[in-house]
PDB file of N, CA and C in Angstrom:
ATOM      1  N   MET A   1      22.365 -68.228  32.222  1.00  0.00           N
ATOM      2  CA  MET A   1      21.901 -66.886  32.407  1.00  0.00           C
ATOM      3  C   MET A   1      20.468 -66.761  31.948  1.00  0.00           C
ATOM      4  N   ALA A   2      19.739 -66.090  32.719  1.00  0.00           N
ATOM      5  CA  ALA A   2      18.318 -65.916  32.420  1.00  0.00           C
ATOM      6  C   ALA A   2      18.104 -64.628  31.645  1.00  0.00           C
ATOM      7  N   ASP A   3      17.079 -64.610  30.836  1.00  0.00           N
ATOM      8  CA  ASP A   3      16.753 -63.418  30.047  1.00  0.00           C
ATOM      9  C   ASP A   3      16.109 -62.412  30.976  1.00  0.00           C
ATOM     10  N   GLU A   4      16.736 -61.200  31.114  1.00  0.00           N
ATOM     11  CA  GLU A   4      16.252 -60.207  32.072  1.00  0.00           C
ATOM     12  C   GLU A   4      15.282 -59.224  31.439  1.00  0.00           C
ATOM     13  N   ARG A   5      14.938 -59.374  30.198  1.00  0.00           N
ATOM     14  CA  ARG A   5      13.996 -58.457  29.561  1.00  0.00           C
ATOM     15  C   ARG A   5      12.592 -58.732  30.075  1.00  0.00           C
ATOM     16  N   ALA A   6      11.819 -57.649  30.166  1.00  0.00           N
ATOM     17  CA  ALA A   6      10.437 -57.812  30.609  1.00  0.00           C
ATOM     18  C   ALA A   6       9.626 -58.411  29.477  1.00  0.00           C
ATOM     19  N   PRO A   7       8.730 -59.277  29.810  1.00  0.00           N
ATOM     20  CA  PRO A   7       7.923 -59.870  28.746  1.00  0.00           C
ATOM     21  C   PRO A   7       6.987 -58.829  28.143  1.00  0.00           C
ATOM     22  N   SER A   8       6.841 -58.853  26.836  1.00  0.00           N
ATOM     23  CA  SER A   8       5.947 -57.902  26.173  1.00  0.00           C
ATOM     24  C   SER A   8       4.534 -58.448  26.250  1.00  0.00           C
ATOM     25  N   ALA A   9       3.592 -57.526  26.194  1.00  0.00           N
ATOM     26  CA  ALA A   9       2.189 -57.942  26.284  1.00  0.00           C
ATOM     27  C   ALA A   9       1.795 -58.594  24.987  1.00  0.00           C
ATOM     28  N   PRO A  10       1.035 -59.623  25.056  1.00  0.00           N
ATOM     29  CA  PRO A  10       0.592 -60.277  23.825  1.00  0.00           C
ATOM     30  C   PRO A  10      -0.376 -59.383  23.071  1.00  0.00           C
ATOM     31  N   PRO A  11      -0.371 -59.498  21.759  1.00  0.00           N
ATOM     32  CA  PRO A  11      -1.291 -58.666  20.979  1.00  0.00           C
ATOM     33  C   PRO A  11      -2.724 -58.949  21.372  1.00  0.00           C
ATOM     34  N   GLY A  12      -3.507 -57.837  21.404  1.00  0.00           N
ATOM     35  CA  GLY A  12      -4.916 -57.972  21.743  1.00  0.00           C
ATOM     36  C   GLY A  12      -5.169 -58.033  23.224  1.00  0.00           C
ATOM     37  N   SER A  13      -4.150 -57.835  24.065  1.00  0.00           N
ATOM     38  CA  SER A  13      -4.366 -57.912  25.506  1.00  0.00           C
ATOM     39  C   SER A  13      -4.890 -56.607  26.065  1.00  0.00           C
ATOM     40  N   GLY A  14      -4.950 -55.513  25.242  1.00  0.00           N
ATOM     41  CA  GLY A  14      -5.516 -54.262  25.709  1.00  0.00           C
ATOM     42  C   GLY A  14      -4.489 -53.298  26.254  1.00  0.00           C
ATOM     43  N   SER A  15      -3.298 -53.705  26.502  1.00  0.00           N
ATOM     44  CA  SER A  15      -2.306 -52.762  27.006  1.00  0.00           C
ATOM     45  C   SER A  15      -1.664 -52.048  25.818  1.00  0.00           C
ATOM     46  N   PRO A  16      -1.363 -50.727  25.957  1.00  0.00           N
ATOM     47  CA  PRO A  16      -0.795 -49.966  24.842  1.00  0.00           C
ATOM     48  C   PRO A  16       0.587 -50.473  24.487  1.00  0.00           C
ATOM     49  N   ARG A  17       0.832 -50.458  23.228  1.00  0.00           N
ATOM     50  CA  ARG A  17       2.123 -50.888  22.737  1.00  0.00           C
ATOM     51  C   ARG A  17       2.873 -49.677  22.234  1.00  0.00           C
ATOM     52  N   GLU A  18       4.104 -49.566  22.514  1.00  0.00           N
ATOM     53  CA  GLU A  18       4.897 -48.430  22.034  1.00  0.00           C
ATOM     54  C   GLU A  18       5.095 -48.561  20.542  1.00  0.00           C
ATOM     55  N   PRO A  19       4.934 -47.422  19.810  1.00  0.00           N
ATOM     56  CA  PRO A  19       5.130 -47.500  18.357  1.00  0.00           C
ATOM     57  C   PRO A  19       6.593 -47.726  18.037  1.00  0.00           C
ATOM     58  N   ASP A  20       6.802 -48.367  16.934  1.00  0.00           N
ATOM     59  CA  ASP A  20       8.182 -48.593  16.492  1.00  0.00           C
ATOM     60  C   ASP A  20       8.743 -47.262  16.006  1.00  0.00           C
ATOM     61  N   LYS A  21       9.841 -46.834  16.569  1.00  0.00           N
ATOM     62  CA  LYS A  21      10.463 -45.578  16.186  1.00  0.00           C
ATOM     63  C   LYS A  21      11.879 -45.851  15.752  1.00  0.00           C
ATOM     64  N   SER A  22      12.167 -45.421  14.580  1.00  0.00           N
ATOM     65  CA  SER A  22      13.558 -45.448  14.174  1.00  0.00           C
ATOM     66  C   SER A  22      14.103 -44.048  14.450  1.00  0.00           C
ATOM     67  N   PRO A  23      15.393 -43.890  14.593  1.00  0.00           N
ATOM     68  CA  PRO A  23      15.957 -42.612  15.017  1.00  0.00           C
ATOM     69  C   PRO A  23      15.623 -41.434  14.101  1.00  0.00           C
ATOM     70  N   GLY A  24      15.395 -41.574  12.805  1.00  0.00           N
ATOM     71  CA  GLY A  24      15.155 -40.438  11.921  1.00  0.00           C
ATOM     72  C   GLY A  24      13.689 -40.207  11.605  1.00  0.00           C
ATOM     73  N   THR A  25      12.765 -40.905  12.215  1.00  0.00           N
ATOM     74  CA  THR A  25      11.353 -40.775  11.885  1.00  0.00           C
ATOM     75  C   THR A  25      10.678 -39.785  12.836  1.00  0.00           C
ATOM     76  N   PRO A  26      10.071 -38.713  12.271  1.00  0.00           N
ATOM     77  CA  PRO A  26       9.377 -37.758  13.159  1.00  0.00           C
ATOM     78  C   PRO A  26       8.045 -38.344  13.620  1.00  0.00           C
ATOM     79  N   ASP A  27       7.588 -37.921  14.782  1.00  0.00           N
ATOM     80  CA  ASP A  27       6.325 -38.444  15.274  1.00  0.00           C
ATOM     81  C   ASP A  27       5.148 -37.655  14.695  1.00  0.00           C
ATOM     82  N   PHE A  28       3.955 -38.137  14.896  1.00  0.00           N
ATOM     83  CA  PHE A  28       2.739 -37.567  14.309  1.00  0.00           C
ATOM     84  C   PHE A  28       2.485 -36.141  14.806  1.00  0.00           C
ATOM     85  N   ALA A  29       2.695 -35.868  16.078  1.00  0.00           N
ATOM     86  CA  ALA A  29       2.455 -34.530  16.637  1.00  0.00           C
ATOM     87  C   ALA A  29       3.355 -33.499  15.958  1.00  0.00           C
ATOM     88  N   PHE A  30       4.594 -33.866  15.709  1.00  0.00           N
ATOM     89  CA  PHE A  30       5.526 -32.942  15.030  1.00  0.00           C
ATOM     90  C   PHE A  30       5.051 -32.668  13.610  1.00  0.00           C
ATOM     91  N   LEU A  31       4.581 -33.713  12.905  1.00  0.00           N
ATOM     92  CA  LEU A  31       4.087 -33.515  11.544  1.00  0.00           C
ATOM     93  C   LEU A  31       2.858 -32.612  11.514  1.00  0.00           C
ATOM     94  N   VAL A  32       1.951 -32.764  12.454  1.00  0.00           N
ATOM     95  CA  VAL A  32       0.752 -31.922  12.529  1.00  0.00           C
ATOM     96  C   VAL A  32       1.147 -30.484  12.824  1.00  0.00           C
ATOM     97  N   ALA A  33       2.048 -30.288  13.775  1.00  0.00           N
ATOM     98  CA  ALA A  33       2.495 -28.936  14.114  1.00  0.00           C
ATOM     99  C   ALA A  33       3.198 -28.283  12.927  1.00  0.00           C
ATOM    100  N   SER A  34       3.991 -29.047  12.199  1.00  0.00           N
ATOM    101  CA  SER A  34       4.669 -28.511  11.014  1.00  0.00           C
ATOM    102  C   SER A  34       3.669 -28.125   9.940  1.00  0.00           C
ATOM    103  N   ALA A  35       2.656 -28.956   9.738  1.00  0.00           N
ATOM    104  CA  ALA A  35       1.628 -28.656   8.734  1.00  0.00           C
ATOM    105  C   ALA A  35       0.859 -27.403   9.099  1.00  0.00           C
ATOM    106  N   ILE A  36       0.519 -27.263  10.365  1.00  0.00           N
ATOM    107  CA  ILE A  36      -0.199 -26.072  10.827  1.00  0.00           C
ATOM    108  C   ILE A  36       0.670 -24.827  10.637  1.00  0.00           C
ATOM    109  N   ALA A  37       1.938 -24.922  10.954  1.00  0.00           N
ATOM    110  CA  ALA A  37       2.850 -23.783  10.769  1.00  0.00           C
ATOM    111  C   ALA A  37       2.980 -23.425   9.294  1.00  0.00           C
ATOM    112  N   LEU A  38       3.042 -24.411   8.441  1.00  0.00           N
ATOM    113  CA  LEU A  38       3.141 -24.164   7.005  1.00  0.00           C
ATOM    114  C   LEU A  38       1.886 -23.485   6.476  1.00  0.00           C
ATOM    115  N   VAL A  39       0.727 -23.960   6.882  1.00  0.00           N
ATOM    116  CA  VAL A  39      -0.533 -23.350   6.458  1.00  0.00           C
ATOM    117  C   VAL A  39      -0.620 -21.919   6.968  1.00  0.00           C
ATOM    118  N   ALA A  40      -0.226 -21.695   8.212  1.00  0.00           N
ATOM    119  CA  ALA A  40      -0.255 -20.342   8.772  1.00  0.00           C
ATOM    120  C   ALA A  40       0.682 -19.414   8.002  1.00  0.00           C
ATOM    121  N   ALA A  41       1.845 -19.895   7.624  1.00  0.00           N
ATOM    122  CA  ALA A  41       2.792 -19.079   6.864  1.00  0.00           C
ATOM    123  C   ALA A  41       2.235 -18.736   5.493  1.00  0.00           C
ATOM    124  N   VAL A  42       1.609 -19.709   4.837  1.00  0.00           N
ATOM    125  CA  VAL A  42       1.029 -19.456   3.511  1.00  0.00           C
ATOM    126  C   VAL A  42      -0.098 -18.434   3.608  1.00  0.00           C
ATOM    127  N   VAL A  43      -0.962 -18.574   4.593  1.00  0.00           N
ATOM    128  CA  VAL A  43      -2.067 -17.627   4.778  1.00  0.00           C
ATOM    129  C   VAL A  43      -1.523 -16.236   5.082  1.00  0.00           C
ATOM    130  N   LEU A  44      -0.516 -16.160   5.921  1.00  0.00           N
ATOM    131  CA  LEU A  44       0.079 -14.872   6.275  1.00  0.00           C
ATOM    132  C   LEU A  44       0.677 -14.191   5.048  1.00  0.00           C
ATOM    133  N   VAL A  45       1.444 -14.913   4.271  1.00  0.00           N
ATOM    134  CA  VAL A  45       2.060 -14.340   3.072  1.00  0.00           C
ATOM    135  C   VAL A  45       0.984 -13.959   2.060  1.00  0.00           C
ATOM    136  N   ARG A  46      -0.013 -14.797   1.901  1.00  0.00           N
ATOM    137  CA  ARG A  46      -1.082 -14.511   0.934  1.00  0.00           C
ATOM    138  C   ARG A  46      -1.860 -13.264   1.321  1.00  0.00           C
ATOM    139  N   ASN A  47      -1.995 -12.985   2.599  1.00  0.00           N
ATOM    140  CA  ASN A  47      -2.720 -11.804   3.054  1.00  0.00           C
ATOM    141  C   ASN A  47      -1.834 -10.563   3.109  1.00  0.00           C
ATOM    142  N   LEU A  48      -0.545 -10.713   3.321  1.00  0.00           N
ATOM    143  CA  LEU A  48       0.336  -9.552   3.429  1.00  0.00           C
ATOM    144  C   LEU A  48       0.730  -8.980   2.079  1.00  0.00           C
ATOM    145  N   LEU A  49       0.866  -9.805   1.059  1.00  0.00           N
ATOM    146  CA  LEU A  49       1.286  -9.297  -0.245  1.00  0.00           C
ATOM    147  C   LEU A  49       0.292  -8.298  -0.835  1.00  0.00           C
ATOM    148  N   PRO A  50      -1.008  -8.572  -0.826  1.00  0.00           N
ATOM    149  CA  PRO A  50      -1.937  -7.553  -1.325  1.00  0.00           C
ATOM    150  C   PRO A  50      -1.923  -6.290  -0.468  1.00  0.00           C
ATOM    151  N   ALA A  51      -1.742  -6.437   0.840  1.00  0.00           N
ATOM    152  CA  ALA A  51      -1.688  -5.269   1.709  1.00  0.00           C
ATOM    153  C   ALA A  51      -0.473  -4.413   1.363  1.00  0.00           C
ATOM    154  N   LYS A  52       0.633  -5.040   1.053  1.00  0.00           N
ATOM    155  CA  LYS A  52       1.838  -4.294   0.670  1.00  0.00           C
ATOM    156  C   LYS A  52       1.599  -3.569  -0.649  1.00  0.00           C
ATOM    157  N   ARG A  53       0.949  -4.232  -1.590  1.00  0.00           N
ATOM    158  CA  ARG A  53       0.645  -3.617  -2.890  1.00  0.00           C
ATOM    159  C   ARG A  53      -0.315  -2.441  -2.693  1.00  0.00           C
ATOM    160  N   ASP A  54      -1.329  -2.611  -1.839  1.00  0.00           N
ATOM    161  CA  ASP A  54      -2.270  -1.531  -1.565  1.00  0.00           C
ATOM    162  C   ASP A  54      -1.575  -0.350  -0.905  1.00  0.00           C
ATOM    163  N   LEU A  55      -0.656  -0.627  -0.004  1.00  0.00           N
ATOM    164  CA  LEU A  55       0.101   0.441   0.652  1.00  0.00           C
ATOM    165  C   LEU A  55       0.938   1.209  -0.363  1.00  0.00           C
ATOM    166  N   ALA A  56       1.592   0.494  -1.271  1.00  0.00           N
ATOM    167  CA  ALA A  56       2.399   1.161  -2.299  1.00  0.00           C
ATOM    168  C   ALA A  56       1.519   2.033  -3.185  1.00  0.00           C
ATOM    169  N   GLU A  57       0.345   1.538  -3.552  1.00  0.00           N
ATOM    170  CA  GLU A  57      -0.585   2.324  -4.376  1.00  0.00           C
ATOM    171  C   GLU A  57      -1.068   3.558  -3.620  1.00  0.00           C
ATOM    172  N   THR A  58      -1.348   3.409  -2.344  1.00  0.00           N
ATOM    173  CA  THR A  58      -1.785   4.536  -1.530  1.00  0.00           C
ATOM    174  C   THR A  58      -0.685   5.584  -1.433  1.00  0.00           C
ATOM    175  N   LEU A  59       0.552   5.153  -1.264  1.00  0.00           N
ATOM    176  CA  LEU A  59       1.667   6.108  -1.186  1.00  0.00           C
ATOM    177  C   LEU A  59       1.858   6.833  -2.511  1.00  0.00           C
ATOM    178  N   ARG A  60       1.711   6.123  -3.651  1.00  0.00           N
ATOM    179  CA  ARG A  60       1.807   6.790  -4.963  1.00  0.00           C
ATOM    180  C   ARG A  60       0.692   7.812  -5.127  1.00  0.00           C
ATOM    181  N   ARG A  61      -0.513   7.436  -4.732  1.00  0.00           N
ATOM    182  CA  ARG A  61      -1.664   8.359  -4.831  1.00  0.00           C
ATOM    183  C   ARG A  61      -1.445   9.575  -3.941  1.00  0.00           C
ATOM    184  N   GLU A  62      -0.908   9.360  -2.753  1.00  0.00           N
ATOM    185  CA  GLU A  62      -0.639  10.469  -1.840  1.00  0.00           C
ATOM    186  C   GLU A  62       0.367  11.438  -2.455  1.00  0.00           C
ATOM    187  N   GLU A  63       1.418  10.916  -3.081  1.00  0.00           N
ATOM    188  CA  GLU A  63       2.424  11.767  -3.710  1.00  0.00           C
ATOM    189  C   GLU A  63       1.814  12.544  -4.873  1.00  0.00           C
ATOM    190  N   THR A  64       0.961  11.896  -5.667  1.00  0.00           N
ATOM    191  CA  THR A  64       0.288  12.574  -6.776  1.00  0.00           C
ATOM    192  C   THR A  64      -0.589  13.712  -6.253  1.00  0.00           C
ATOM    193  N   LEU A  65      -1.343  13.442  -5.210  1.00  0.00           N
ATOM    194  CA  LEU A  65      -2.199  14.473  -4.626  1.00  0.00           C
ATOM    195  C   LEU A  65      -1.380  15.612  -4.028  1.00  0.00           C
ATOM    196  N   ARG A  66      -0.238  15.276  -3.425  1.00  0.00           N
ATOM    197  CA  ARG A  66       0.630  16.314  -2.855  1.00  0.00           C
ATOM    198  C   ARG A  66       1.130  17.249  -3.956  1.00  0.00           C
ATOM    199  N   ARG A  67       1.551  16.673  -5.100  1.00  0.00           N
ATOM    200  CA  ARG A  67       2.004  17.515  -6.223  1.00  0.00           C
ATOM    201  C   ARG A  67       0.860  18.355  -6.761  1.00  0.00           C
ATOM    202  N   GLU A  68      -0.343  17.777  -6.842  1.00  0.00           N
ATOM    203  CA  GLU A  68      -1.502  18.519  -7.317  1.00  0.00           C
ATOM    204  C   GLU A  68      -1.823  19.686  -6.387  1.00  0.00           C
ATOM    205  N   ILE A  69      -1.731  19.460  -5.092  1.00  0.00           N
ATOM    206  CA  ILE A  69      -1.975  20.521  -4.109  1.00  0.00           C
ATOM    207  C   ILE A  69      -0.952  21.639  -4.269  1.00  0.00           C
ATOM    208  N   GLU A  70       0.320  21.272  -4.472  1.00  0.00           N
ATOM    209  CA  GLU A  70       1.348  22.295  -4.667  1.00  0.00           C
ATOM    210  C   GLU A  70       1.057  23.129  -5.907  1.00  0.00           C
ATOM    211  N   GLY A  71       0.619  22.478  -6.993  1.00  0.00           N
ATOM    212  CA  GLY A  71       0.266  23.201  -8.211  1.00  0.00           C
ATOM    213  C   GLY A  71      -0.919  24.133  -7.994  1.00  0.00           C
ATOM    214  N   LEU A  72      -1.920  23.646  -7.258  1.00  0.00           N
ATOM    215  CA  LEU A  72      -3.088  24.478  -6.973  1.00  0.00           C
ATOM    216  C   LEU A  72      -2.729  25.653  -6.065  1.00  0.00           C
ATOM    217  N   ASP A  73      -1.826  25.434  -5.127  1.00  0.00           N
ATOM    218  CA  ASP A  73      -1.371  26.534  -4.272  1.00  0.00           C
ATOM    219  C   ASP A  73      -0.671  27.611  -5.098  1.00  0.00           C
ATOM    220  N   ALA A  74       0.169  27.186  -6.057  1.00  0.00           N
ATOM    221  CA  ALA A  74       0.858  28.150  -6.921  1.00  0.00           C
ATOM    222  C   ALA A  74      -0.152  28.917  -7.777  1.00  0.00           C
ATOM    223  N   GLU A  75      -1.160  28.218  -8.304  1.00  0.00           N
ATOM    224  CA  GLU A  75      -2.178  28.896  -9.101  1.00  0.00           C
ATOM    225  C   GLU A  75      -2.980  29.872  -8.246  1.00  0.00           C
ATOM    226  N   LYS A  76      -3.270  29.473  -7.021  1.00  0.00           N
ATOM    227  CA  LYS A  76      -4.007  30.357  -6.104  1.00  0.00           C
ATOM    228  C   LYS A  76      -3.219  31.636  -5.856  1.00  0.00           C
ATOM    229  N   GLU A  77      -1.911  31.519  -5.629  1.00  0.00           N
ATOM    230  CA  GLU A  77      -1.075  32.706  -5.413  1.00  0.00           C
ATOM    231  C   GLU A  77      -1.074  33.603  -6.645  1.00  0.00           C
ATOM    232  N   ARG A  78      -0.987  32.991  -7.844  1.00  0.00           N
ATOM    233  CA  ARG A  78      -0.994  33.770  -9.085  1.00  0.00           C
ATOM    234  C   ARG A  78      -2.311  34.519  -9.236  1.00  0.00           C
ATOM    235  N   LEU A  79      -3.426  33.831  -8.954  1.00  0.00           N
ATOM    236  CA  LEU A  79      -4.736  34.465  -9.073  1.00  0.00           C
ATOM    237  C   LEU A  79      -4.933  35.567  -8.036  1.00  0.00           C
ATOM    238  N   GLU A  80      -4.391  35.371  -6.844  1.00  0.00           N
ATOM    239  CA  GLU A  80      -4.478  36.421  -5.820  1.00  0.00           C
ATOM    240  C   GLU A  80      -3.692  37.661  -6.247  1.00  0.00           C
ATOM    241  N   ARG A  81      -2.498  37.439  -6.850  1.00  0.00           N
ATOM    242  CA  ARG A  81      -1.719  38.592  -7.348  1.00  0.00           C
ATOM    243  C   ARG A  81      -2.485  39.309  -8.450  1.00  0.00           C
ATOM    244  N   ARG A  82      -3.123  38.528  -9.353  1.00  0.00           N
ATOM    245  CA  ARG A  82      -3.896  39.149 -10.435  1.00  0.00           C
ATOM    246  C   ARG A  82      -5.084  39.918  -9.871  1.00  0.00           C
ATOM    247  N   GLU A  83      -5.762  39.338  -8.887  1.00  0.00           N
ATOM    248  CA  GLU A  83      -6.895  40.023  -8.258  1.00  0.00           C
ATOM    249  C   GLU A  83      -6.454  41.346  -7.650  1.00  0.00           C
ATOM    250  N   ASN A  84      -5.332  41.320  -6.938  1.00  0.00           N
ATOM    251  CA  ASN A  84      -4.828  42.557  -6.326  1.00  0.00           C
ATOM    252  C   ASN A  84      -4.454  43.576  -7.391  1.00  0.00           C
ATOM    253  N   ALA A  85      -3.844  43.111  -8.487  1.00  0.00           N
ATOM    254  CA  ALA A  85      -3.468  44.035  -9.559  1.00  0.00           C
ATOM    255  C   ALA A  85      -4.714  44.626 -10.212  1.00  0.00           C
ATOM    256  N   LEU A  86      -5.740  43.810 -10.435  1.00  0.00           N
ATOM    257  CA  LEU A  86      -6.977  44.339 -11.026  1.00  0.00           C
ATOM    258  C   LEU A  86      -7.664  45.338 -10.099  1.00  0.00           C
ATOM    259  N   ARG A  87      -7.583  45.096  -8.822  1.00  0.00           N
ATOM    260  CA  ARG A  87      -8.223  45.974  -7.843  1.00  0.00           C
ATOM    261  C   ARG A  87      -7.431  47.271  -7.655  1.00  0.00           C
ATOM    262  N   ASP A  88      -6.082  47.188  -7.641  1.00  0.00           N
ATOM    263  CA  ASP A  88      -5.260  48.332  -7.233  1.00  0.00           C
ATOM    264  C   ASP A  88      -4.568  49.063  -8.375  1.00  0.00           C
ATOM    265  N   ASP A  89      -4.408  48.441  -9.540  1.00  0.00           N
ATOM    266  CA  ASP A  89      -3.627  49.049 -10.624  1.00  0.00           C
ATOM    267  C   ASP A  89      -4.544  49.345 -11.816  1.00  0.00           C
ATOM    268  N   PRO A  90      -4.924  50.612 -12.003  1.00  0.00           N
ATOM    269  CA  PRO A  90      -5.836  50.949 -13.102  1.00  0.00           C
ATOM    270  C   PRO A  90      -5.234  50.646 -14.485  1.00  0.00           C
ATOM    271  N   ALA A  91      -3.939  50.802 -14.651  1.00  0.00           N
ATOM    272  CA  ALA A  91      -3.316  50.530 -15.946  1.00  0.00           C
ATOM    273  C   ALA A  91      -3.409  49.032 -16.272  1.00  0.00           C
ATOM    274  N   TYR A  92      -3.197  48.183 -15.279  1.00  0.00           N
ATOM    275  CA  TYR A  92      -3.310  46.727 -15.487  1.00  0.00           C
ATOM    276  C   TYR A  92      -4.752  46.374 -15.818  1.00  0.00           C
ATOM    277  N   LEU A  93      -5.704  46.990 -15.101  1.00  0.00           N
ATOM    278  CA  LEU A  93      -7.116  46.731 -15.337  1.00  0.00           C
ATOM    279  C   LEU A  93      -7.505  47.115 -16.772  1.00  0.00           C
ATOM    280  N   GLU A  94      -7.072  48.294 -17.199  1.00  0.00           N
ATOM    281  CA  GLU A  94      -7.389  48.733 -18.563  1.00  0.00           C
ATOM    282  C   GLU A  94      -6.774  47.789 -19.599  1.00  0.00           C
ATOM    283  N   ARG A  95      -5.520  47.460 -19.420  1.00  0.00           N
ATOM    284  CA  ARG A  95      -4.823  46.566 -20.357  1.00  0.00           C
ATOM    285  C   ARG A  95      -5.526  45.206 -20.431  1.00  0.00           C
ATOM    286  N   ASP A  96      -5.950  44.678 -19.295  1.00  0.00           N
ATOM    287  CA  ASP A  96      -6.622  43.383 -19.261  1.00  0.00           C
ATOM    288  C   ASP A  96      -7.989  43.454 -19.937  1.00  0.00           C
ATOM    289  N   LEU A  97      -8.757  44.482 -19.651  1.00  0.00           N
ATOM    290  CA  LEU A  97     -10.071  44.631 -20.272  1.00  0.00           C
ATOM    291  C   LEU A  97      -9.959  44.815 -21.775  1.00  0.00           C
ATOM    292  N   ARG A  98      -8.986  45.585 -22.220  1.00  0.00           N
ATOM    293  CA  ARG A  98      -8.820  45.809 -23.653  1.00  0.00           C
ATOM    294  C   ARG A  98      -8.391  44.512 -24.337  1.00  0.00           C
ATOM    295  N   ARG A  99      -7.565  43.726 -23.678  1.00  0.00           N
ATOM    296  CA  ARG A  99      -7.140  42.448 -24.256  1.00  0.00           C
ATOM    297  C   ARG A  99      -8.326  41.498 -24.370  1.00  0.00           C
ATOM    298  N   GLN A 100      -9.168  41.445 -23.358  1.00  0.00           N
ATOM    299  CA  GLN A 100     -10.306  40.524 -23.361  1.00  0.00           C
ATOM    300  C   GLN A 100     -11.391  40.941 -24.353  1.00  0.00           C
ATOM    301  N   THR A 101     -11.656  42.231 -24.468  1.00  0.00           N
ATOM    302  CA  THR A 101     -12.765  42.691 -25.313  1.00  0.00           C
ATOM    303  C   THR A 101     -12.334  43.034 -26.725  1.00  0.00           C
ATOM    304  N   GLY A 102     -11.039  43.260 -26.916  1.00  0.00           N
ATOM    305  CA  GLY A 102     -10.558  43.645 -28.238  1.00  0.00           C
ATOM    306  C   GLY A 102     -10.823  45.110 -28.550  1.00  0.00           C
ATOM    307  N   MET A 103     -11.150  45.891 -27.555  1.00  0.00           N
ATOM    308  CA  MET A 103     -11.431  47.309 -27.773  1.00  0.00           C
ATOM    309  C   MET A 103     -10.119  48.090 -27.874  1.00  0.00           C
ATOM    310  N   THR A 104     -10.187  49.192 -28.596  1.00  0.00           N
ATOM    311  CA  THR A 104      -9.005  50.045 -28.758  1.00  0.00           C
ATOM    312  C   THR A 104      -9.370  51.478 -28.414  1.00  0.00           C
ATOM    313  N   ARG A 105      -8.356  52.247 -28.200  1.00  0.00           N
ATOM    314  CA  ARG A 105      -8.549  53.688 -28.057  1.00  0.00           C
ATOM    315  C   ARG A 105      -8.682  54.274 -29.460  1.00  0.00           C
ATOM    316  N   PRO A 106      -9.250  55.438 -29.544  1.00  0.00           N
ATOM    317  CA  PRO A 106      -9.360  56.058 -30.860  1.00  0.00           C
ATOM    318  C   PRO A 106      -7.978  56.230 -31.489  1.00  0.00           C
ATOM    319  N   GLY A 107      -7.837  55.801 -32.723  1.00  0.00           N
ATOM    320  CA  GLY A 107      -6.591  55.930 -33.459  1.00  0.00           C
ATOM    321  C   GLY A 107      -5.637  54.748 -33.297  1.00  0.00           C
ATOM    322  N   GLU A 108      -5.949  53.758 -32.447  1.00  0.00           N
ATOM    323  CA  GLU A 108      -5.081  52.591 -32.267  1.00  0.00           C
ATOM    324  C   GLU A 108      -5.460  51.507 -33.260  1.00  0.00           C
ATOM    325  N   TRP A 109      -4.475  50.712 -33.594  1.00  0.00           N
ATOM    326  CA  TRP A 109      -4.690  49.583 -34.478  1.00  0.00           C
ATOM    327  C   TRP A 109      -4.322  48.306 -33.702  1.00  0.00           C
ATOM    328  N   ILE A 110      -5.121  47.271 -33.877  1.00  0.00           N
ATOM    329  CA  ILE A 110      -4.819  45.987 -33.218  1.00  0.00           C
ATOM    330  C   ILE A 110      -4.044  45.140 -34.208  1.00  0.00           C
ATOM    331  N   VAL A 111      -2.884  44.719 -33.814  1.00  0.00           N
ATOM    332  CA  VAL A 111      -2.026  43.883 -34.649  1.00  0.00           C
ATOM    333  C   VAL A 111      -1.961  42.502 -33.999  1.00  0.00           C
ATOM    334  N   ARG A 112      -2.334  41.498 -34.793  1.00  0.00           N
ATOM    335  CA  ARG A 112      -2.298  40.145 -34.234  1.00  0.00           C
ATOM    336  C   ARG A 112      -1.430  39.267 -35.058  1.00  0.00           C
TER     337      ARG A 112
END
């Protein structure tokens, strides 16, 4: 019986030789693609974590400002009521002026 295998090219003859591959060895292209994917994942995670932290800080600041606005709105309403009372209620106006200046009517005593 004759050997039916094709003769392999002698080394240095210029024809490409197939690399030796064992069944569990990944090829170079797969390793490069895996490395690129790993680097991309690291860059993505490294850039997203600060963005998430910045978003959380922005949301906390927004909530703080919202509470501050609500407080200022309540103060504005209180001041508007006081303005209306000073404008429309002479008894309130007199009481407020006397409290601020410490003035009394004749015969009154200030007790503090």
